[in-house]
């Protein structure tokens, strides 16, 4: 793709300080900038790289304009402008062929206009695909599912029966939506399966990374709100509710019946025990283990960070001694402070 800088500024609604006829052919970072590309400065720490850039233009804040030796696109939020810029240069991976001959589509499925279905995909009875939906090669959409307009399943995604997916949802390869939740009970020395009768309901403008699993509800539904972003290798168990605007990073595990408020942030490796509530606008730092409800918004953390082995071992020993130390401290307080 090639675009003149003036046209690009208009598309991004940015003020251009420079040559509108400069030809732009792509995007580059400041540290690895190339001719005929646009870069951006979102962090002042990289101002030195800005001053030495080889890019044709850079998206900067007004305060950084004097440090920019090339064409400047003035933005209040350069990183957000870069996000919009990336959409202009993203490759179009849509197949020119609407429905591949090898796709298996049940006669009872309903396909709206401009639906695309890749090779060896399976669309079962009662499925409804709204306008502009794309189903990648090898993906399976089981009975009675609904997928909203302009949503896309990449290759080898599986949507179990009766799930509903909103509009403009993107689900990456290997992900499974609506598999059975981990529901079992004991009958003496054997496990008895509890059949999972709920669904998964996914809102609009959601993105789900690769190899992520979202379990269907046991009776009620598992619900993912609008504008939720979920990374790769995440597990969301049955009957979880995820509030709109929440971001969940890789390797997070959320146990059953957790209620997550709106606009929360889960960093990588977070674990949440079942039947808890997470307050809206809560941030959980990496590797945090949540074992009780977080009823107030805030930033939460847990665990012992990595350290030099000898120091870590000493700290681990001290940690095991805390309970005994607390008992001894209480006994000392009683001895030194007579009761009133």
Protein backbone atom coordinates (compact mmCIF):
# COMPACT_ATOMS: atom_id res chain seq x y z
CA UNK A 1 0.00 0.00 0.00
CA UNK A 2 1.19 3.50 -0.87
CA UNK A 3 -0.33 6.78 0.30
CA UNK A 4 0.65 10.42 0.22
CA UNK A 5 1.31 11.94 3.62
CA UNK A 6 -1.39 14.59 3.24
CA UNK A 7 -4.00 11.92 2.51
CA UNK A 8 -2.80 9.87 5.47
CA UNK A 9 -3.08 12.90 7.78
CA UNK A 10 -6.67 13.42 6.63
CA UNK A 11 -7.57 9.78 7.28
CA UNK A 12 -6.10 9.96 10.79
CA UNK A 13 -7.50 13.46 11.45
CA UNK A 14 -4.05 14.74 12.38
CA UNK A 15 -2.34 18.07 11.72
CA UNK A 16 0.52 17.72 9.24
CA UNK A 17 3.65 19.84 9.62
CA UNK A 18 5.56 18.94 6.47
CA UNK A 19 5.28 17.85 2.85
CA UNK A 20 1.79 16.55 1.93
CA UNK A 21 3.16 14.92 -1.25
CA UNK A 22 5.68 12.73 0.61
CA UNK A 23 4.97 9.10 -0.36
CA UNK A 24 4.39 6.66 2.51
CA UNK A 25 4.74 2.90 1.99
CA UNK A 26 4.61 1.44 5.50
CA UNK A 27 5.27 1.74 9.23
CA UNK A 28 8.54 1.40 11.13
CA UNK A 29 9.80 1.85 14.67
CA UNK A 30 12.01 4.77 15.57
CA UNK A 31 14.97 2.53 16.33
CA UNK A 32 14.66 0.60 13.06
CA UNK A 33 13.23 3.35 10.87
CA UNK A 34 13.27 3.19 7.08
CA UNK A 35 12.72 5.69 4.29
CA UNK A 36 9.13 6.23 3.12
CA UNK A 37 7.68 4.98 6.41
CA UNK A 38 5.81 6.54 9.32
CA UNK A 39 6.90 6.03 12.92
CA UNK A 40 5.60 7.37 16.23
CA UNK A 41 6.88 8.64 19.58
CA UNK A 42 4.66 7.57 22.47
CA UNK A 43 7.30 7.55 25.23
CA UNK A 44 9.66 10.51 25.84
CA UNK A 45 12.46 8.07 26.70
CA UNK A 46 12.81 7.40 22.97
CA UNK A 47 13.33 11.07 22.08
CA UNK A 48 16.96 10.38 21.15
CA UNK A 49 15.79 7.83 18.61
CA UNK A 50 13.37 10.46 17.27
CA UNK A 51 16.21 12.91 16.73
CA UNK A 52 18.11 10.29 14.69
CA UNK A 53 15.21 8.79 12.78
CA UNK A 54 15.32 7.87 9.10
CA UNK A 55 11.53 7.68 8.81
CA UNK A 56 9.77 10.01 6.41
CA UNK A 57 7.34 11.16 9.10
CA UNK A 58 6.70 10.67 12.80
CA UNK A 59 3.51 10.95 14.84
CA UNK A 60 4.36 13.15 17.84
CA UNK A 61 2.74 15.30 20.47
CA UNK A 62 2.91 19.06 19.99
CA UNK A 63 5.49 19.25 22.81
CA UNK A 64 7.85 16.97 20.85
CA UNK A 65 7.56 18.74 17.49
CA UNK A 66 10.82 20.67 17.89
CA UNK A 67 12.73 17.40 18.40
CA UNK A 68 11.42 15.88 15.16
CA UNK A 69 13.83 16.36 12.21
CA UNK A 70 11.35 15.11 9.59
CA UNK A 71 7.69 15.55 8.66
CA UNK A 72 5.51 15.57 11.77
CA UNK A 73 1.94 14.42 12.33
CA UNK A 74 0.70 16.17 15.47
CA UNK A 75 -1.43 14.03 17.78
CA UNK A 76 -2.77 14.31 21.31
CA UNK A 77 -2.28 10.56 21.71
CA UNK A 78 0.44 9.20 19.37
CA UNK A 79 -0.03 5.59 20.43
CA UNK A 80 -3.75 5.72 19.68
CA UNK A 81 -3.00 7.36 16.34
CA UNK A 82 -0.52 4.58 15.62
CA UNK A 83 -3.29 2.04 16.31
CA UNK A 84 -5.48 3.71 13.68
CA UNK A 85 -2.48 3.91 11.33
CA UNK A 86 -1.83 0.18 11.67
CA UNK A 87 -5.36 -0.54 10.43
CA UNK A 88 -4.60 1.30 7.18
CA UNK A 89 -1.58 -0.88 6.45
CA UNK A 90 -2.91 -4.21 7.74
CA UNK A 91 -3.02 -6.85 4.96
CA UNK A 92 -6.41 -7.93 3.66
CA UNK A 93 -6.47 -11.69 4.26
CA UNK A 94 -10.05 -12.28 3.13
CA UNK A 95 -10.46 -15.02 0.56
CA UNK A 96 -11.70 -13.95 -2.88
CA UNK A 97 -13.79 -17.12 -2.96
CA UNK A 98 -17.01 -16.75 -0.98
CA UNK A 99 -17.52 -20.42 -0.08
CA UNK A 100 -14.85 -23.06 -0.66
CA UNK A 101 -16.12 -26.20 -2.42
CA UNK A 102 -14.80 -28.42 0.37
CA UNK A 103 -16.79 -26.61 3.10
CA UNK A 104 -19.62 -28.64 4.65
CA UNK A 105 -22.74 -26.50 5.11
CA UNK A 106 -25.94 -28.04 6.45
CA UNK A 107 -29.09 -27.15 4.47
CA UNK A 108 -30.62 -25.88 7.70
CA UNK A 109 -27.95 -23.19 8.14
CA UNK A 110 -28.81 -19.57 7.30
CA UNK A 111 -26.15 -17.50 5.57
CA UNK A 112 -26.58 -13.76 5.03
CA UNK A 113 -24.95 -11.73 2.25
CA UNK A 114 -21.18 -11.56 1.84
CA UNK A 115 -20.43 -14.55 4.10
CA UNK A 116 -17.11 -16.29 3.42
CA UNK A 117 -16.37 -19.88 4.43
CA UNK A 118 -12.92 -21.45 4.05
CA UNK A 119 -11.74 -24.90 3.06
CA UNK A 120 -12.96 -27.87 5.13
CA UNK A 121 -15.00 -25.67 7.45
CA UNK A 122 -18.16 -27.22 8.94
CA UNK A 123 -21.39 -25.29 9.47
CA UNK A 124 -24.04 -27.40 11.21
CA UNK A 125 -27.84 -27.32 11.30
CA UNK A 126 -29.52 -24.22 12.68
CA UNK A 127 -26.42 -22.01 12.47
CA UNK A 128 -27.05 -18.40 11.50
CA UNK A 129 -24.23 -16.32 10.04
CA UNK A 130 -24.95 -12.60 9.72
CA UNK A 131 -23.69 -10.33 6.93
CA UNK A 132 -19.96 -10.26 6.32
CA UNK A 133 -19.06 -13.15 8.63
CA UNK A 134 -15.86 -15.02 7.75
CA UNK A 135 -15.24 -18.62 8.81
CA UNK A 136 -11.62 -19.74 8.45
CA UNK A 137 -10.39 -23.02 7.01
CA UNK A 138 -11.06 -26.04 9.21
CA UNK A 139 -13.26 -24.15 11.66
CA UNK A 140 -16.37 -25.81 13.07
CA UNK A 141 -19.60 -24.04 14.05
CA UNK A 142 -21.91 -26.50 15.76
CA UNK A 143 -25.69 -26.61 15.89
CA UNK A 144 -27.85 -23.54 16.49
CA UNK A 145 -25.01 -21.04 16.91
CA UNK A 146 -25.38 -17.40 15.92
CA UNK A 147 -22.45 -15.25 14.72
CA UNK A 148 -23.03 -11.51 14.34
CA UNK A 149 -22.17 -9.26 11.43
CA UNK A 150 -18.56 -8.94 10.30
CA UNK A 151 -17.21 -11.32 12.91
CA UNK A 152 -14.36 -13.56 11.91
CA UNK A 153 -13.10 -16.97 12.96
CA UNK A 154 -9.52 -17.67 11.91
CA UNK A 155 -8.50 -21.18 10.87
CA UNK A 156 -9.32 -24.13 13.15
CA UNK A 157 -11.62 -22.41 15.62
CA UNK A 158 -14.40 -24.47 17.23
CA UNK A 159 -17.71 -22.98 18.38
CA UNK A 160 -19.81 -25.52 20.30
CA UNK A 161 -23.59 -25.73 19.97
CA UNK A 162 -26.02 -22.91 20.84
CA UNK A 163 -23.35 -20.26 21.50
CA UNK A 164 -23.94 -16.66 20.42
CA UNK A 165 -21.23 -14.32 19.20
CA UNK A 166 -21.75 -10.60 18.65
CA UNK A 167 -20.70 -8.28 15.87
CA UNK A 168 -17.11 -7.56 14.78
CA UNK A 169 -15.67 -10.32 16.96
CA UNK A 170 -12.28 -11.80 16.03
CA UNK A 171 -11.34 -15.27 17.32
CA UNK A 172 -7.86 -16.57 16.57
CA UNK A 173 -6.80 -20.08 15.63
CA UNK A 174 -7.07 -23.00 18.01
CA UNK A 175 -9.58 -21.35 20.34
CA UNK A 176 -12.62 -23.26 21.62
CA UNK A 177 -15.82 -21.50 22.62
CA UNK A 178 -18.48 -23.44 24.53
CA UNK A 179 -16.68 -26.60 25.57
CA UNK A 180 -18.00 -28.29 28.70
CA UNK A 181 -17.18 -26.70 32.01
CA UNK A 182 -15.30 -28.76 34.60
CA UNK A 183 -18.42 -30.09 36.29
CA UNK A 184 -18.20 -33.39 38.19
CA UNK A 185 -19.34 -34.81 41.48
CA UNK A 186 -18.24 -37.83 43.51
CA UNK A 187 -20.16 -41.08 43.78
CA UNK A 188 -17.98 -42.92 46.30
CA UNK A 189 -14.82 -43.78 44.37
CA UNK A 190 -15.80 -42.50 40.91
CA UNK A 191 -16.52 -39.17 39.23
CA UNK A 192 -19.96 -38.49 37.74
CA UNK A 193 -20.22 -35.90 35.00
CA UNK A 194 -22.58 -32.93 35.41
CA UNK A 195 -23.76 -32.10 31.91
CA UNK A 196 -23.28 -28.46 31.04
CA UNK A 197 -26.57 -27.01 29.80
CA UNK A 198 -25.75 -23.32 29.46
CA UNK A 199 -24.18 -21.39 26.61
CA UNK A 200 -21.41 -18.88 25.94
CA UNK A 201 -22.60 -15.38 25.03
CA UNK A 202 -19.98 -13.05 23.56
CA UNK A 203 -20.69 -9.34 23.04
CA UNK A 204 -19.65 -6.98 20.25
CA UNK A 205 -16.11 -5.87 19.35
CA UNK A 206 -14.41 -8.68 21.28
CA UNK A 207 -11.03 -10.17 20.33
CA UNK A 208 -9.95 -13.61 21.58
CA UNK A 209 -6.39 -14.85 21.13
CA UNK A 210 -5.17 -18.23 19.94
CA UNK A 211 -5.63 -21.44 21.95
CA UNK A 212 -7.99 -19.85 24.44
CA UNK A 213 -10.86 -21.84 25.93
CA UNK A 214 -14.14 -20.38 27.21
CA UNK A 215 -16.40 -22.98 28.84
CA UNK A 216 -20.18 -23.01 28.51
CA UNK A 217 -22.30 -22.48 31.61
CA UNK A 218 -23.55 -25.33 33.75
CA UNK A 219 -27.14 -24.02 33.81
CA UNK A 220 -26.91 -20.26 33.26
CA UNK A 221 -24.61 -18.83 30.58
CA UNK A 222 -20.97 -17.80 30.54
CA UNK A 223 -20.98 -14.14 29.44
CA UNK A 224 -18.25 -12.02 27.84
CA UNK A 225 -19.21 -8.33 27.60
CA UNK A 226 -18.62 -5.85 24.79
CA UNK A 227 -15.13 -4.63 23.88
CA UNK A 228 -13.35 -7.29 25.93
CA UNK A 229 -9.86 -8.30 24.76
CA UNK A 230 -8.52 -11.75 25.70
CA UNK A 231 -4.97 -12.90 24.97
CA UNK A 232 -3.61 -16.32 23.97
CA UNK A 233 -3.75 -19.37 26.25
CA UNK A 234 -6.44 -18.06 28.57
CA UNK A 235 -8.96 -20.32 30.30
CA UNK A 236 -12.34 -18.94 31.38
CA UNK A 237 -14.42 -21.53 33.22
CA UNK A 238 -18.16 -22.09 33.31
CA UNK A 239 -20.56 -19.35 34.42
CA UNK A 240 -17.91 -16.65 34.51
CA UNK A 241 -19.12 -13.14 33.72
CA UNK A 242 -16.57 -10.70 32.24
CA UNK A 243 -17.55 -7.03 32.25
CA UNK A 244 -17.28 -4.80 29.19
CA UNK A 245 -13.93 -3.19 28.46
CA UNK A 246 -11.89 -5.74 30.43
CA UNK A 247 -8.44 -6.85 29.20
CA UNK A 248 -7.08 -10.32 30.04
CA UNK A 249 -3.44 -11.15 29.21
CA UNK A 250 -1.90 -14.54 28.40
CA UNK A 251 -2.01 -17.62 30.64
CA UNK A 252 -4.72 -16.26 32.93
CA UNK A 253 -6.96 -18.89 34.55
CA UNK A 254 -10.39 -17.93 35.89
CA UNK A 255 -12.33 -20.56 37.82
CA UNK A 256 -16.08 -21.05 37.68
CA UNK A 257 -18.77 -18.50 38.59
CA UNK A 258 -16.41 -15.54 38.95
CA UNK A 259 -18.01 -12.13 38.37
CA UNK A 260 -15.61 -9.61 36.85
CA UNK A 261 -16.61 -5.95 36.69
CA UNK A 262 -16.16 -3.59 33.78
CA UNK A 263 -12.80 -2.18 32.67
CA UNK A 264 -10.61 -4.55 34.68
CA UNK A 265 -7.06 -5.47 33.67
CA UNK A 266 -5.56 -8.92 34.26
CA UNK A 267 -1.81 -9.18 33.64
CA UNK A 268 -0.16 -12.43 32.56
CA UNK A 269 -0.47 -15.55 34.68
CA UNK A 270 -3.19 -14.28 37.03
CA UNK A 271 -5.26 -17.00 38.73
CA UNK A 272 -8.72 -16.45 40.22
CA UNK A 273 -10.45 -18.99 42.49
CA UNK A 274 -14.11 -19.78 41.92
CA UNK A 275 -17.25 -17.92 43.06
CA UNK A 276 -15.52 -14.58 43.65
CA UNK A 277 -16.28 -11.01 42.62
CA UNK A 278 -13.78 -8.59 41.11
CA UNK A 279 -14.73 -4.90 41.43
CA UNK A 280 -14.92 -2.78 38.27
CA UNK A 281 -11.71 -1.00 37.24
CA UNK A 282 -9.49 -3.39 39.21
CA UNK A 283 -5.95 -4.12 38.01
CA UNK A 284 -4.31 -7.45 38.85
CA UNK A 285 -0.55 -7.51 38.34
CA UNK A 286 1.31 -10.46 36.83
CA UNK A 287 1.05 -13.84 38.62
CA UNK A 288 -1.45 -12.54 41.17
CA UNK A 289 -3.45 -15.30 42.89
CA UNK A 290 -6.91 -14.15 43.95
CA UNK A 291 -8.49 -16.25 46.73
CA UNK A 292 -11.10 -13.80 48.03
CA UNK A 293 -13.40 -11.24 46.45
CA UNK A 294 -11.93 -7.84 45.59
CA UNK A 295 -14.78 -5.51 46.46
CA UNK A 296 -13.05 -2.18 45.85
CA UNK A 297 -11.26 -0.94 42.70
CA UNK A 298 -7.49 -0.87 43.03
CA UNK A 299 -4.19 -2.41 41.98
CA UNK A 300 -3.61 -5.88 43.43
CA UNK A 301 -0.54 -8.14 43.55
CA UNK A 302 0.68 -11.31 45.27
CA UNK A 303 3.54 -13.80 45.26
CA UNK A 304 7.27 -13.59 45.87
CA UNK A 305 9.12 -12.02 42.91
CA UNK A 306 12.22 -13.68 41.48
CA UNK A 307 15.51 -12.82 43.16
CA UNK A 308 19.03 -14.16 43.46
CA UNK A 309 18.67 -17.75 44.68
CA UNK A 310 20.35 -17.31 48.06
CA UNK A 311 18.26 -14.23 48.87
CA UNK A 312 15.08 -15.92 47.68
CA UNK A 313 15.74 -18.98 49.86
CA UNK A 314 16.28 -16.81 52.93
CA UNK A 315 13.06 -14.90 52.23
CA UNK A 316 11.17 -18.17 51.73
CA UNK A 317 12.38 -19.40 55.12
CA UNK A 318 11.31 -16.12 56.75
CA UNK A 319 7.90 -16.43 55.12
CA UNK A 320 7.36 -19.85 56.70
CA UNK A 321 8.33 -18.39 60.08
CA UNK A 322 5.78 -15.53 59.98
CA UNK A 323 3.00 -17.39 61.79
CA UNK A 324 5.28 -18.45 64.65
CA UNK A 325 6.70 -14.93 64.85
CA UNK A 326 3.17 -13.47 65.04
CA UNK A 327 2.27 -15.78 67.96
CA UNK A 328 5.44 -14.86 69.82
CA UNK A 329 4.76 -11.15 69.22
CA UNK A 330 1.23 -11.45 70.63
CA UNK A 331 2.60 -13.25 73.69
CA UNK A 332 5.19 -10.49 74.17
CA UNK A 333 2.55 -7.79 73.86
CA UNK A 334 0.42 -9.47 76.52
CA UNK A 335 3.42 -9.68 78.85
CA UNK A 336 4.49 -6.05 78.35
CA UNK A 337 1.06 -4.43 78.09
CA UNK A 338 -1.16 -5.38 81.04
CA UNK A 339 -4.84 -5.50 80.24
CA UNK A 340 -6.81 -2.38 81.22
